[in-house]
PDB file of N, CA and C in Angstrom:
ATOM      1  N   MET A   1      17.070  11.146  -7.191  1.00  0.00           N
ATOM      2  CA  MET A   1      15.702  11.067  -7.946  1.00  0.00           C
ATOM      3  C   MET A   1      15.340  12.753  -8.548  1.00  0.00           C
ATOM      4  N   ASP A   2      14.826  13.084  -9.652  1.00  0.00           N
ATOM      5  CA  ASP A   2      14.475  13.836 -10.757  1.00  0.00           C
ATOM      6  C   ASP A   2      13.150  14.732 -10.457  1.00  0.00           C
ATOM      7  N   PHE A   3      12.812  15.515 -10.609  1.00  0.00           N
ATOM      8  CA  PHE A   3      11.473  15.921 -10.664  1.00  0.00           C
ATOM      9  C   PHE A   3      10.379  15.354 -11.164  1.00  0.00           C
ATOM     10  N   ASN A   4      10.399  14.548 -12.377  1.00  0.00           N
ATOM     11  CA  ASN A   4       9.648  13.919 -13.323  1.00  0.00           C
ATOM     12  C   ASN A   4       9.541  12.625 -12.425  1.00  0.00           C
ATOM     13  N   GLU A   5      10.379  11.892 -11.460  1.00  0.00           N
ATOM     14  CA  GLU A   5      11.063  10.701 -11.330  1.00  0.00           C
ATOM     15  C   GLU A   5      10.078  11.144  -9.523  1.00  0.00           C
ATOM     16  N   ILE A   6       9.793  12.219  -8.953  1.00  0.00           N
ATOM     17  CA  ILE A   6       9.642  12.365  -7.395  1.00  0.00           C
ATOM     18  C   ILE A   6       8.129  12.451  -8.111  1.00  0.00           C
ATOM     19  N   ILE A   7       7.168  12.484  -8.387  1.00  0.00           N
ATOM     20  CA  ILE A   7       5.298  13.160  -8.956  1.00  0.00           C
ATOM     21  C   ILE A   7       5.324  11.515  -9.293  1.00  0.00           C
ATOM     22  N   LYS A   8       6.118  10.923 -10.585  1.00  0.00           N
ATOM     23  CA  LYS A   8       5.595   9.265 -10.801  1.00  0.00           C
ATOM     24  C   LYS A   8       5.262   8.316  -9.533  1.00  0.00           C
ATOM     25  N   SER A   9       7.020   8.933  -8.565  1.00  0.00           N
ATOM     26  CA  SER A   9       6.946   7.806  -7.687  1.00  0.00           C
ATOM     27  C   SER A   9       6.288   7.083  -6.895  1.00  0.00           C
ATOM     28  N   HIS A  10       4.577   8.225  -6.411  1.00  0.00           N
ATOM     29  CA  HIS A  10       2.968   7.737  -5.580  1.00  0.00           C
ATOM     30  C   HIS A  10       2.294   8.520  -6.555  1.00  0.00           C
ATOM     31  N   PRO A  11       0.890   7.795  -6.614  1.00  0.00           N
ATOM     32  CA  PRO A  11      -0.026   8.479  -6.881  1.00  0.00           C
ATOM     33  C   PRO A  11      -0.885   9.713  -6.689  1.00  0.00           C
ATOM     34  N   PHE A  12      -0.374   9.836  -5.515  1.00  0.00           N
ATOM     35  CA  PHE A  12      -0.356  10.924  -4.828  1.00  0.00           C
ATOM     36  C   PHE A  12       0.693  12.726  -4.957  1.00  0.00           C
ATOM     37  N   VAL A  13       1.279  12.878  -5.020  1.00  0.00           N
ATOM     38  CA  VAL A  13       2.362  13.416  -4.664  1.00  0.00           C
ATOM     39  C   VAL A  13       1.475  15.424  -4.293  1.00  0.00           C
ATOM     40  N   LEU A  14       2.530  16.054  -3.195  1.00  0.00           N
ATOM     41  CA  LEU A  14       1.846  17.016  -3.263  1.00  0.00           C
ATOM     42  C   LEU A  14       3.214  18.508  -2.775  1.00  0.00           C
ATOM     43  N   VAL A  15       3.659  18.866  -3.988  1.00  0.00           N
ATOM     44  CA  VAL A  15       4.638  19.639  -4.232  1.00  0.00           C
ATOM     45  C   VAL A  15       4.298  21.245  -3.411  1.00  0.00           C
ATOM     46  N   ASP A  16       5.024  21.103  -1.880  1.00  0.00           N
ATOM     47  CA  ASP A  16       5.251  22.992  -1.940  1.00  0.00           C
ATOM     48  C   ASP A  16       6.277  23.615  -2.904  1.00  0.00           C
ATOM     49  N   PHE A  17       6.659  24.597  -3.622  1.00  0.00           N
ATOM     50  CA  PHE A  17       7.470  25.724  -3.693  1.00  0.00           C
ATOM     51  C   PHE A  17       7.943  26.585  -2.749  1.00  0.00           C
ATOM     52  N   TYR A  18       8.636  27.039  -2.206  1.00  0.00           N
ATOM     53  CA  TYR A  18       8.804  28.463  -0.834  1.00  0.00           C
ATOM     54  C   TYR A  18       9.992  28.872  -1.052  1.00  0.00           C
ATOM     55  N   ALA A  19      10.429  29.448  -0.496  1.00  0.00           N
ATOM     56  CA  ALA A  19      11.242  30.305  -0.003  1.00  0.00           C
ATOM     57  C   ALA A  19      12.247  30.001   1.333  1.00  0.00           C
ATOM     58  N   ASP A  20      12.841  30.013   1.953  1.00  0.00           N
ATOM     59  CA  ASP A  20      13.135  30.426   3.031  1.00  0.00           C
ATOM     60  C   ASP A  20      12.534  32.284   4.093  1.00  0.00           C
ATOM     61  N   TRP A  21      13.244  32.424   2.551  1.00  0.00           N
ATOM     62  CA  TRP A  21      12.657  34.362   3.689  1.00  0.00           C
ATOM     63  C   TRP A  21      11.403  34.150   3.207  1.00  0.00           C
ATOM     64  N   CYS A  22      10.177  34.026   3.120  1.00  0.00           N
ATOM     65  CA  CYS A  22       9.146  34.467   2.658  1.00  0.00           C
ATOM     66  C   CYS A  22       8.276  33.378   4.520  1.00  0.00           C
ATOM     67  N   GLU A  23       7.332  34.104   5.428  1.00  0.00           N
ATOM     68  CA  GLU A  23       6.679  34.073   6.467  1.00  0.00           C
ATOM     69  C   GLU A  23       5.115  33.295   5.756  1.00  0.00           C
ATOM     70  N   PRO A  24       5.055  33.237   5.160  1.00  0.00           N
ATOM     71  CA  PRO A  24       3.688  31.983   4.406  1.00  0.00           C
ATOM     72  C   PRO A  24       4.031  30.829   4.383  1.00  0.00           C
ATOM     73  N   CYS A  25       5.062  31.341   4.252  1.00  0.00           N
ATOM     74  CA  CYS A  25       6.098  30.032   3.624  1.00  0.00           C
ATOM     75  C   CYS A  25       5.710  29.062   5.074  1.00  0.00           C
ATOM     76  N   LYS A  26       6.532  29.415   5.608  1.00  0.00           N
ATOM     77  CA  LYS A  26       6.302  28.479   7.384  1.00  0.00           C
ATOM     78  C   LYS A  26       5.908  28.765   8.165  1.00  0.00           C
ATOM     79  N   TRP A  27       4.912  29.446   7.981  1.00  0.00           N
ATOM     80  CA  TRP A  27       3.794  28.728   8.128  1.00  0.00           C
ATOM     81  C   TRP A  27       2.850  27.657   8.180  1.00  0.00           C
ATOM     82  N   LEU A  28       3.631  27.364   7.021  1.00  0.00           N
ATOM     83  CA  LEU A  28       3.027  26.520   4.927  1.00  0.00           C
ATOM     84  C   LEU A  28       2.762  25.309   6.385  1.00  0.00           C
ATOM     85  N   ASP A  29       4.346  25.436   6.505  1.00  0.00           N
ATOM     86  CA  ASP A  29       5.086  23.701   6.954  1.00  0.00           C
ATOM     87  C   ASP A  29       3.653  23.009   8.359  1.00  0.00           C
ATOM     88  N   THR A  30       3.699  24.056   8.984  1.00  0.00           N
ATOM     89  CA  THR A  30       2.643  23.040  10.396  1.00  0.00           C
ATOM     90  C   THR A  30       1.472  22.682   9.566  1.00  0.00           C
ATOM     91  N   ILE A  31       1.422  23.425   8.929  1.00  0.00           N
ATOM     92  CA  ILE A  31      -0.811  22.952   7.807  1.00  0.00           C
ATOM     93  C   ILE A  31       0.003  21.729   7.191  1.00  0.00           C
ATOM     94  N   LEU A  32       0.930  21.578   6.573  1.00  0.00           N
ATOM     95  CA  LEU A  32       1.298  20.785   5.521  1.00  0.00           C
ATOM     96  C   LEU A  32       1.650  19.147   6.614  1.00  0.00           C
ATOM     97  N   GLN A  33       2.345  19.558   7.528  1.00  0.00           N
ATOM     98  CA  GLN A  33       2.960  18.276   8.837  1.00  0.00           C
ATOM     99  C   GLN A  33       1.219  17.778   9.352  1.00  0.00           C
ATOM    100  N   GLU A  34      -0.201  18.664   9.492  1.00  0.00           N
ATOM    101  CA  GLU A  34      -1.214  18.169   9.658  1.00  0.00           C
ATOM    102  C   GLU A  34      -2.129  17.156   8.459  1.00  0.00           C
ATOM    103  N   VAL A  35      -2.071  18.140   7.681  1.00  0.00           N
ATOM    104  CA  VAL A  35      -2.752  17.292   5.837  1.00  0.00           C
ATOM    105  C   VAL A  35      -1.850  16.342   5.681  1.00  0.00           C
ATOM    106  N   ALA A  36      -0.403  15.524   5.998  1.00  0.00           N
ATOM    107  CA  ALA A  36       0.990  15.005   6.017  1.00  0.00           C
ATOM    108  C   ALA A  36       0.012  13.392   6.716  1.00  0.00           C
ATOM    109  N   ASP A  37      -0.235  13.928   8.363  1.00  0.00           N
ATOM    110  CA  ASP A  37      -0.625  12.930   9.322  1.00  0.00           C
ATOM    111  C   ASP A  37      -1.900  12.888   8.918  1.00  0.00           C
ATOM    112  N   HIS A  38      -2.741  13.519   8.149  1.00  0.00           N
ATOM    113  CA  HIS A  38      -4.121  13.657   8.301  1.00  0.00           C
ATOM    114  C   HIS A  38      -4.024  11.891   7.224  1.00  0.00           C
ATOM    115  N   PHE A  39      -3.429  12.675   5.875  1.00  0.00           N
ATOM    116  CA  PHE A  39      -3.707  11.582   4.517  1.00  0.00           C
ATOM    117  C   PHE A  39      -2.692  10.383   5.086  1.00  0.00           C
ATOM    118  N   GLY A  40      -1.789  10.459   5.596  1.00  0.00           N
ATOM    119  CA  GLY A  40      -0.608   9.604   5.871  1.00  0.00           C
ATOM    120  C   GLY A  40       0.119   8.842   4.916  1.00  0.00           C
ATOM    121  N   GLU A  41       0.118   7.314   4.430  1.00  0.00           N
ATOM    122  CA  GLU A  41       0.978   7.237   3.068  1.00  0.00           C
ATOM    123  C   GLU A  41      -0.071   7.155   1.690  1.00  0.00           C
ATOM    124  N   ARG A  42      -0.982   7.779   1.584  1.00  0.00           N
ATOM    125  CA  ARG A  42      -2.034   7.783   1.211  1.00  0.00           C
ATOM    126  C   ARG A  42      -0.912   8.982   0.043  1.00  0.00           C
ATOM    127  N   LEU A  43      -0.484  10.366   0.508  1.00  0.00           N
ATOM    128  CA  LEU A  43      -0.089  11.380  -0.083  1.00  0.00           C
ATOM    129  C   LEU A  43       1.982  11.666   0.260  1.00  0.00           C
ATOM    130  N   LYS A  44       2.059  11.584  -0.607  1.00  0.00           N
ATOM    131  CA  LYS A  44       3.156  12.451  -0.322  1.00  0.00           C
ATOM    132  C   LYS A  44       3.917  13.905  -0.782  1.00  0.00           C
ATOM    133  N   ILE A  45       4.267  14.469   0.337  1.00  0.00           N
ATOM    134  CA  ILE A  45       4.320  16.164   0.726  1.00  0.00           C
ATOM    135  C   ILE A  45       6.295  15.914   0.149  1.00  0.00           C
ATOM    136  N   VAL A  46       6.505  17.178  -0.985  1.00  0.00           N
ATOM    137  CA  VAL A  46       8.136  17.513  -1.341  1.00  0.00           C
ATOM    138  C   VAL A  46       8.070  18.843  -1.321  1.00  0.00           C
ATOM    139  N   LYS A  47       9.344  19.379  -1.657  1.00  0.00           N
ATOM    140  CA  LYS A  47       9.164  20.444  -0.330  1.00  0.00           C
ATOM    141  C   LYS A  47       9.776  20.463  -1.483  1.00  0.00           C
ATOM    142  N   ILE A  48      10.037  22.262  -2.505  1.00  0.00           N
ATOM    143  CA  ILE A  48      10.599  22.546  -3.432  1.00  0.00           C
ATOM    144  C   ILE A  48      11.458  24.124  -2.876  1.00  0.00           C
ATOM    145  N   ASP A  49      12.455  24.564  -2.614  1.00  0.00           N
ATOM    146  CA  ASP A  49      13.192  25.482  -2.796  1.00  0.00           C
ATOM    147  C   ASP A  49      12.957  25.876  -3.648  1.00  0.00           C
ATOM    148  N   ILE A  50      12.305  27.205  -4.387  1.00  0.00           N
ATOM    149  CA  ILE A  50      12.782  27.961  -5.719  1.00  0.00           C
ATOM    150  C   ILE A  50      14.160  28.858  -5.765  1.00  0.00           C
ATOM    151  N   GLU A  51      15.104  29.297  -5.172  1.00  0.00           N
ATOM    152  CA  GLU A  51      15.875  29.905  -4.983  1.00  0.00           C
ATOM    153  C   GLU A  51      16.941  28.054  -4.919  1.00  0.00           C
ATOM    154  N   GLN A  52      17.193  27.467  -4.964  1.00  0.00           N
ATOM    155  CA  GLN A  52      18.280  26.533  -4.853  1.00  0.00           C
ATOM    156  C   GLN A  52      17.429  25.714  -6.383  1.00  0.00           C
ATOM    157  N   ASN A  53      16.230  25.423  -6.497  1.00  0.00           N
ATOM    158  CA  ASN A  53      15.706  24.836  -8.335  1.00  0.00           C
ATOM    159  C   ASN A  53      14.643  26.023  -9.031  1.00  0.00           C
ATOM    160  N   GLU A  54      16.083  27.073  -8.962  1.00  0.00           N
ATOM    161  CA  GLU A  54      15.656  28.642 -10.301  1.00  0.00           C
ATOM    162  C   GLU A  54      14.484  27.524 -11.641  1.00  0.00           C
ATOM    163  N   ALA A  55      15.717  26.543 -12.451  1.00  0.00           N
ATOM    164  CA  ALA A  55      15.172  26.151 -13.345  1.00  0.00           C
ATOM    165  C   ALA A  55      13.503  25.397 -13.677  1.00  0.00           C
ATOM    166  N   LEU A  56      13.327  24.610 -12.442  1.00  0.00           N
ATOM    167  CA  LEU A  56      11.601  23.953 -12.051  1.00  0.00           C
ATOM    168  C   LEU A  56      10.431  24.954 -11.371  1.00  0.00           C
ATOM    169  N   ALA A  57      10.808  26.189 -11.128  1.00  0.00           N
ATOM    170  CA  ALA A  57      10.743  27.049 -10.510  1.00  0.00           C
ATOM    171  C   ALA A  57       9.944  27.589 -11.839  1.00  0.00           C
ATOM    172  N   GLU A  58      10.745  28.166 -12.786  1.00  0.00           N
ATOM    173  CA  GLU A  58      10.313  28.861 -13.754  1.00  0.00           C
ATOM    174  C   GLU A  58       9.844  27.555 -14.556  1.00  0.00           C
ATOM    175  N   ALA A  59      10.278  26.871 -14.958  1.00  0.00           N
ATOM    176  CA  ALA A  59       9.338  26.010 -15.738  1.00  0.00           C
ATOM    177  C   ALA A  59       7.221  25.693 -14.927  1.00  0.00           C
ATOM    178  N   PHE A  60       7.545  25.779 -14.596  1.00  0.00           N
ATOM    179  CA  PHE A  60       6.074  25.024 -13.591  1.00  0.00           C
ATOM    180  C   PHE A  60       5.789  27.061 -13.371  1.00  0.00           C
ATOM    181  N   THR A  61       6.675  28.189 -14.354  1.00  0.00           N
ATOM    182  CA  THR A  61       5.697  29.796 -13.722  1.00  0.00           C
ATOM    183  C   THR A  61       5.092  30.023 -12.842  1.00  0.00           C
ATOM    184  N   ILE A  62       5.818  29.819 -11.428  1.00  0.00           N
ATOM    185  CA  ILE A  62       5.931  29.721 -10.529  1.00  0.00           C
ATOM    186  C   ILE A  62       6.664  31.716 -10.037  1.00  0.00           C
ATOM    187  N   LYS A  63       5.321  32.503  -9.979  1.00  0.00           N
ATOM    188  CA  LYS A  63       5.390  33.571  -9.279  1.00  0.00           C
ATOM    189  C   LYS A  63       5.746  34.151  -8.572  1.00  0.00           C
ATOM    190  N   SER A  64       5.258  33.342  -7.408  1.00  0.00           N
ATOM    191  CA  SER A  64       5.258  33.883  -5.986  1.00  0.00           C
ATOM    192  C   SER A  64       4.949  32.076  -4.896  1.00  0.00           C
ATOM    193  N   VAL A  65       4.991  32.064  -3.488  1.00  0.00           N
ATOM    194  CA  VAL A  65       5.577  31.319  -2.771  1.00  0.00           C
ATOM    195  C   VAL A  65       4.314  31.318  -1.688  1.00  0.00           C
ATOM    196  N   PRO A  66       3.607  31.126  -0.221  1.00  0.00           N
ATOM    197  CA  PRO A  66       4.083  29.343  -1.552  1.00  0.00           C
ATOM    198  C   PRO A  66       3.317  29.196  -2.268  1.00  0.00           C
ATOM    199  N   THR A  67       3.452  28.071  -3.090  1.00  0.00           N
ATOM    200  CA  THR A  67       2.543  27.157  -3.833  1.00  0.00           C
ATOM    201  C   THR A  67       2.397  25.955  -4.774  1.00  0.00           C
ATOM    202  N   LEU A  68       1.269  25.862  -4.503  1.00  0.00           N
ATOM    203  CA  LEU A  68       0.819  24.551  -4.465  1.00  0.00           C
ATOM    204  C   LEU A  68       0.728  23.491  -5.355  1.00  0.00           C
ATOM    205  N   LEU A  69       1.175  23.210  -5.805  1.00  0.00           N
ATOM    206  CA  LEU A  69       1.424  21.911  -6.586  1.00  0.00           C
ATOM    207  C   LEU A  69       0.698  19.965  -6.248  1.00  0.00           C
ATOM    208  N   LEU A  70      -0.596  19.849  -6.940  1.00  0.00           N
ATOM    209  CA  LEU A  70      -1.578  18.263  -6.733  1.00  0.00           C
ATOM    210  C   LEU A  70      -0.790  17.954  -8.369  1.00  0.00           C
ATOM    211  N   PHE A  71      -0.351  16.875  -7.963  1.00  0.00           N
ATOM    212  CA  PHE A  71       0.627  15.494  -9.119  1.00  0.00           C
ATOM    213  C   PHE A  71      -0.603  15.078  -8.318  1.00  0.00           C
ATOM    214  N   LYS A  72      -1.332  14.253  -9.376  1.00  0.00           N
ATOM    215  CA  LYS A  72      -1.685  12.745  -9.524  1.00  0.00           C
ATOM    216  C   LYS A  72      -1.317  12.184 -10.711  1.00  0.00           C
ATOM    217  N   GLU A  73      -0.475  10.818 -10.436  1.00  0.00           N
ATOM    218  CA  GLU A  73       0.138   9.637 -11.630  1.00  0.00           C
ATOM    219  C   GLU A  73       0.682  10.497 -12.354  1.00  0.00           C
ATOM    220  N   GLY A  74       1.146  11.254 -11.661  1.00  0.00           N
ATOM    221  CA  GLY A  74       2.971  12.585 -11.816  1.00  0.00           C
ATOM    222  C   GLY A  74       1.762  13.413 -12.887  1.00  0.00           C
ATOM    223  N   THR A  75       0.501  13.467 -12.931  1.00  0.00           N
ATOM    224  CA  THR A  75      -0.551  14.588 -13.681  1.00  0.00           C
ATOM    225  C   THR A  75      -0.919  16.101 -12.709  1.00  0.00           C
ATOM    226  N   GLN A  76      -0.251  17.179 -13.571  1.00  0.00           N
ATOM    227  CA  GLN A  76      -0.464  18.286 -12.524  1.00  0.00           C
ATOM    228  C   GLN A  76      -2.922  18.369 -12.517  1.00  0.00           C
ATOM    229  N   ILE A  77      -2.560  18.409 -12.048  1.00  0.00           N
ATOM    230  CA  ILE A  77      -4.413  18.392 -11.344  1.00  0.00           C
ATOM    231  C   ILE A  77      -5.329  19.664 -10.786  1.00  0.00           C
ATOM    232  N   TRP A  78      -4.260  20.180 -10.437  1.00  0.00           N
ATOM    233  CA  TRP A  78      -4.355  21.277  -9.389  1.00  0.00           C
ATOM    234  C   TRP A  78      -3.452  22.538  -8.611  1.00  0.00           C
ATOM    235  N   ARG A  79      -4.263  23.719  -8.543  1.00  0.00           N
ATOM    236  CA  ARG A  79      -2.871  24.084  -8.204  1.00  0.00           C
ATOM    237  C   ARG A  79      -3.181  25.337  -7.162  1.00  0.00           C
ATOM    238  N   TYR A  80      -2.149  26.099  -6.254  1.00  0.00           N
ATOM    239  CA  TYR A  80      -3.423  26.558  -5.038  1.00  0.00           C
ATOM    240  C   TYR A  80      -1.622  27.543  -4.260  1.00  0.00           C
ATOM    241  N   LYS A  81      -1.804  29.155  -4.396  1.00  0.00           N
ATOM    242  CA  LYS A  81      -1.180  30.163  -4.543  1.00  0.00           C
ATOM    243  C   LYS A  81      -1.522  30.697  -2.713  1.00  0.00           C
ATOM    244  N   GLY A  82      -0.447  31.118  -2.595  1.00  0.00           N
ATOM    245  CA  GLY A  82      -0.549  31.017  -0.778  1.00  0.00           C
ATOM    246  C   GLY A  82      -0.967  29.928  -0.026  1.00  0.00           C
ATOM    247  N   PHE A  83      -1.866  30.021   1.288  1.00  0.00           N
ATOM    248  CA  PHE A  83      -1.755  28.845   1.959  1.00  0.00           C
ATOM    249  C   PHE A  83      -3.593  29.259   2.446  1.00  0.00           C
ATOM    250  N   MET A  84      -4.150  27.525   3.129  1.00  0.00           N
ATOM    251  CA  MET A  84      -5.527  27.918   3.535  1.00  0.00           C
ATOM    252  C   MET A  84      -5.059  27.204   4.820  1.00  0.00           C
ATOM    253  N   ASN A  85      -5.827  27.149   5.514  1.00  0.00           N
ATOM    254  CA  ASN A  85      -5.683  26.319   6.975  1.00  0.00           C
ATOM    255  C   ASN A  85      -5.941  24.662   6.777  1.00  0.00           C
ATOM    256  N   THR A  86      -5.868  23.962   7.659  1.00  0.00           N
ATOM    257  CA  THR A  86      -5.399  23.151   7.621  1.00  0.00           C
ATOM    258  C   THR A  86      -6.676  22.379   7.463  1.00  0.00           C
ATOM    259  N   GLN A  87      -7.554  22.627   8.008  1.00  0.00           N
ATOM    260  CA  GLN A  87      -9.267  21.867   7.439  1.00  0.00           C
ATOM    261  C   GLN A  87      -9.654  22.833   5.234  1.00  0.00           C
ATOM    262  N   GLU A  88      -9.469  23.660   5.126  1.00  0.00           N
ATOM    263  CA  GLU A  88      -9.190  23.789   3.939  1.00  0.00           C
ATOM    264  C   GLU A  88      -8.648  22.801   2.643  1.00  0.00           C
ATOM    265  N   THR A  89      -7.121  22.962   3.031  1.00  0.00           N
ATOM    266  CA  THR A  89      -6.992  22.283   2.332  1.00  0.00           C
ATOM    267  C   THR A  89      -6.513  20.324   2.068  1.00  0.00           C
ATOM    268  N   ILE A  90      -7.314  19.844   4.065  1.00  0.00           N
ATOM    269  CA  ILE A  90      -7.841  18.611   3.731  1.00  0.00           C
ATOM    270  C   ILE A  90      -9.446  18.939   2.485  1.00  0.00           C
ATOM    271  N   LYS A  91     -10.368  19.761   2.546  1.00  0.00           N
ATOM    272  CA  LYS A  91     -11.581  19.453   1.943  1.00  0.00           C
ATOM    273  C   LYS A  91     -10.937  19.793   0.761  1.00  0.00           C
ATOM    274  N   LEU A  92      -9.836  20.558  -0.119  1.00  0.00           N
ATOM    275  CA  LEU A  92      -9.878  20.772  -1.116  1.00  0.00           C
ATOM    276  C   LEU A  92      -9.056  19.542  -1.901  1.00  0.00           C
ATOM    277  N   LEU A  93      -8.075  18.606  -1.408  1.00  0.00           N
ATOM    278  CA  LEU A  93      -7.821  17.989  -1.733  1.00  0.00           C
ATOM    279  C   LEU A  93      -8.871  16.693  -1.964  1.00  0.00           C
ATOM    280  N   GLU A  94      -9.028  16.375  -0.594  1.00  0.00           N
ATOM    281  CA  GLU A  94     -10.121  15.242  -1.597  1.00  0.00           C
ATOM    282  C   GLU A  94     -11.192  15.423  -2.001  1.00  0.00           C
ATOM    283  N   ALA A  95     -11.224  17.733  -2.883  1.00  0.00           N
ATOM    284  CA  ALA A  95     -12.859  16.936  -3.597  1.00  0.00           C
ATOM    285  C   ALA A  95     -11.460  16.870  -4.858  1.00  0.00           C
ATOM    286  N   TYR A  96     -10.364  16.838  -5.050  1.00  0.00           N
ATOM    287  CA  TYR A  96      -9.844  16.368  -6.405  1.00  0.00           C
ATOM    288  C   TYR A  96      -9.771  15.006  -6.221  1.00  0.00           C
ATOM    289  N   HIS A  97     -11.073  14.453  -6.188  1.00  0.00           N
ATOM    290  CA  HIS A  97     -10.941  12.514  -5.867  1.00  0.00           C
ATOM    291  C   HIS A  97      -9.979  11.945  -5.007  1.00  0.00           C
ATOM    292  N   PHE A  98      -9.435  12.435  -3.786  1.00  0.00           N
ATOM    293  CA  PHE A  98      -8.706  12.255  -2.865  1.00  0.00           C
ATOM    294  C   PHE A  98      -8.758  11.286  -1.981  1.00  0.00           C
ATOM    295  N   SER A  99      -9.530  10.251  -2.213  1.00  0.00           N
ATOM    296  CA  SER A  99     -10.429   9.511  -1.051  1.00  0.00           C
ATOM    297  C   SER A  99      -9.245   8.508   0.144  1.00  0.00           C
ATOM    298  N   LYS A 100      -9.964   7.397   0.704  1.00  0.00           N
ATOM    299  CA  LYS A 100      -9.729   6.593   1.001  1.00  0.00           C
ATOM    300  C   LYS A 100      -9.132   5.139   0.066  1.00  0.00           C
ATOM    301  N   GLU A 101      -9.728   5.665  -0.848  1.00  0.00           N
ATOM    302  CA  GLU A 101      -9.898   4.829  -1.694  1.00  0.00           C
ATOM    303  C   GLU A 101      -9.023   4.302  -2.861  1.00  0.00           C
ATOM    304  N   ASN A 102      -8.570   5.434  -3.051  1.00  0.00           N
ATOM    305  CA  ASN A 102      -6.964   6.216  -3.897  1.00  0.00           C
ATOM    306  C   ASN A 102      -5.705   5.841  -3.064  1.00  0.00           C
TER     307      ASN A 102
END
């Protein structure tokens, strides 16, 4: 499945651009697991290793990791460089019309 198919495969897709050598990226793994537990089936989380997917990272102008992109119905609606704690991440995602009704 290519990237466009992935971001269109679910109403809400959160993409985590990361690198194995990135320590903050490792910290984000735990946060994203908690976010996934909170949203359940309402959110699909996809991890993209920038070193294994250089063209994709370049296409989205990923200059630092971690970088999160949120897609709604295949369209990017949010971007964040760095990481936040679990509650901040959940609050921000919910602010982007990510509610129980969606």
